[in-house]
Structure formats: structure tokens, C-alpha cells
Amino acid sequence: MPTSEEVEALVIESVQLLAEDFDLTALQQPRAESALYGNQGVLDSMALVNLIADVEDAVSEKFGVAIALADEKAMSARNSPFLTVKTLAQAVLERIEA
């Protein structure tokens, strides 16, 4: 079972790679508080879809667990799991533990 720090590091690495691919200067050096999507976020819907796929793939490769981040739970959540690096890492950890 991965730790929350390991999952957060994986999400940060995925965000950095996405920032390079999409030339997103605001996310070149992401932190736990970095806004991803929503009112304060810098990702558009296409970049978010790419990030979700990248994180799902990274989780599968690193931890050997298949997860789905864009599921009914995420879409119906009162607070989106895609707001910040930290909320995304928490959503990943919840799905790994499920």
C-alpha cells in the first residue's frame, strides 16, 4: 500500500510532465497547493483529461493497481477531486485503498 507522500509525489511528477507537454508555466514546479482545475486552475478540459489518463497509467505502472479517476464518485462530488494536486492525490489514494 503506497503512502500519501508517494502518491502525492507521483501526481506532482505527472503534473510536471503535463506542464511541459502543454507549455503551462504556472505548473512547471507544482506543489500540493497548486491549483489544477476549476476557478483557480490553469488546466482546460483537454489538459485535465490528459492528466487523469497520465495519473491512472502512472499508478498502474508504479503500484500495480488499476484505478478510474473520472468515475461517478468524482463527477458527483461536491468538491471536485481535480482542484489541486493535494485533492487529486487524495482521490488517487482513496481509489487505491478501495
Protein backbone atom coordinates (compact mmCIF):
# COMPACT_ATOMS: atom_id res chain seq x y z
CA MET A 1 0.00 0.00 0.00
CA PRO A 2 1.57 3.31 -1.07
CA THR A 3 1.82 6.20 1.37
CA SER A 4 0.13 9.54 0.80
CA GLU A 5 3.58 11.07 0.22
CA GLU A 6 4.35 8.52 -2.52
CA VAL A 7 1.03 9.18 -4.23
CA GLU A 8 1.47 12.95 -3.98
CA ALA A 9 4.96 12.66 -5.50
CA LEU A 10 3.54 10.59 -8.36
CA VAL A 11 0.83 13.21 -9.01
CA ILE A 12 3.40 16.04 -8.88
CA GLU A 13 5.58 14.21 -11.39
CA SER A 14 2.58 13.68 -13.70
CA VAL A 15 1.64 17.38 -13.43
CA GLN A 16 5.22 18.43 -14.26
CA LEU A 17 5.26 16.25 -17.37
CA LEU A 18 1.88 17.60 -18.44
CA ALA A 19 3.08 21.19 -17.85
CA GLU A 20 5.98 20.55 -20.22
CA ASP A 21 3.75 18.98 -22.87
CA PHE A 22 1.13 21.74 -22.72
CA ASP A 23 3.62 24.58 -22.03
CA LEU A 24 1.93 25.51 -18.75
CA THR A 25 4.43 27.73 -16.95
CA ALA A 26 2.25 28.00 -13.84
CA LEU A 27 2.60 24.25 -13.24
CA GLN A 28 6.29 23.78 -14.07
CA GLN A 29 7.07 23.38 -10.35
CA PRO A 30 3.83 22.15 -8.77
CA ARG A 31 3.27 21.85 -5.03
CA ALA A 32 0.46 20.24 -3.05
CA GLU A 33 -1.48 23.53 -3.10
CA SER A 34 -1.10 24.11 -6.84
CA ALA A 35 -4.49 24.72 -8.45
CA LEU A 36 -5.24 22.37 -11.33
CA TYR A 37 -8.83 22.73 -12.46
CA GLY A 38 -11.80 24.91 -11.60
CA ASN A 39 -11.96 28.62 -10.84
CA GLN A 40 -8.30 28.99 -9.87
CA GLY A 41 -6.91 26.17 -12.02
CA VAL A 42 -4.87 26.54 -15.19
CA LEU A 43 -5.92 23.30 -16.89
CA ASP A 44 -8.56 23.29 -19.58
CA SER A 45 -10.73 20.21 -20.03
CA MET A 46 -8.38 18.63 -22.60
CA ALA A 47 -5.35 19.02 -20.33
CA LEU A 48 -7.36 17.62 -17.41
CA VAL A 49 -8.33 14.53 -19.42
CA ASN A 50 -4.65 14.02 -20.30
CA LEU A 51 -3.61 14.43 -16.66
CA ILE A 52 -6.22 11.91 -15.49
CA ALA A 53 -5.01 9.36 -18.05
CA ASP A 54 -1.37 10.02 -17.14
CA VAL A 55 -2.01 9.59 -13.41
CA GLU A 56 -4.04 6.40 -13.95
CA ASP A 57 -1.21 4.98 -16.09
CA ALA A 58 1.45 6.01 -13.56
CA VAL A 59 -0.48 4.41 -10.69
CA SER A 60 -0.80 1.19 -12.68
CA GLU A 61 2.91 1.14 -13.53
CA LYS A 62 4.25 2.13 -10.12
CA PHE A 63 1.80 0.45 -7.76
CA GLY A 64 0.31 -2.30 -9.94
CA VAL A 65 -3.25 -1.09 -9.32
CA ALA A 66 -5.82 -0.10 -11.94
CA ILE A 67 -7.93 2.89 -10.89
CA ALA A 68 -10.51 5.12 -12.57
CA LEU A 69 -10.38 8.77 -11.57
CA ALA A 70 -13.15 10.05 -13.85
CA ASP A 71 -15.84 7.93 -12.28
CA GLU A 72 -19.31 8.68 -10.94
CA LYS A 73 -17.91 9.41 -7.49
CA ALA A 74 -15.57 12.11 -8.88
CA MET A 75 -18.18 13.66 -11.16
CA SER A 76 -20.84 13.86 -8.46
CA ALA A 77 -18.52 15.00 -5.66
CA ARG A 78 -19.47 18.26 -4.01
CA ASN A 79 -15.81 19.27 -4.03
CA SER A 80 -14.01 18.21 -7.20
CA PRO A 81 -11.02 15.94 -6.70
CA PHE A 82 -9.31 17.82 -9.54
CA LEU A 83 -8.99 21.21 -7.82
CA THR A 84 -5.42 20.89 -6.56
CA VAL A 85 -2.51 18.48 -6.55
CA LYS A 86 -3.39 17.53 -2.97
CA THR A 87 -7.08 16.80 -3.69
CA LEU A 88 -6.10 14.72 -6.73
CA ALA A 89 -3.55 12.77 -4.68
CA GLN A 90 -6.21 12.12 -2.02
CA ALA A 91 -8.63 10.84 -4.68
CA VAL A 92 -5.93 8.53 -6.06
CA LEU A 93 -5.15 7.16 -2.60
CA GLU A 94 -8.86 6.56 -1.88
CA ARG A 95 -9.21 4.54 -5.08
CA ILE A 96 -6.05 2.53 -4.44
CA GLU A 97 -7.31 1.63 -0.95
CA ALA A 98 -10.82 0.72 -2.19
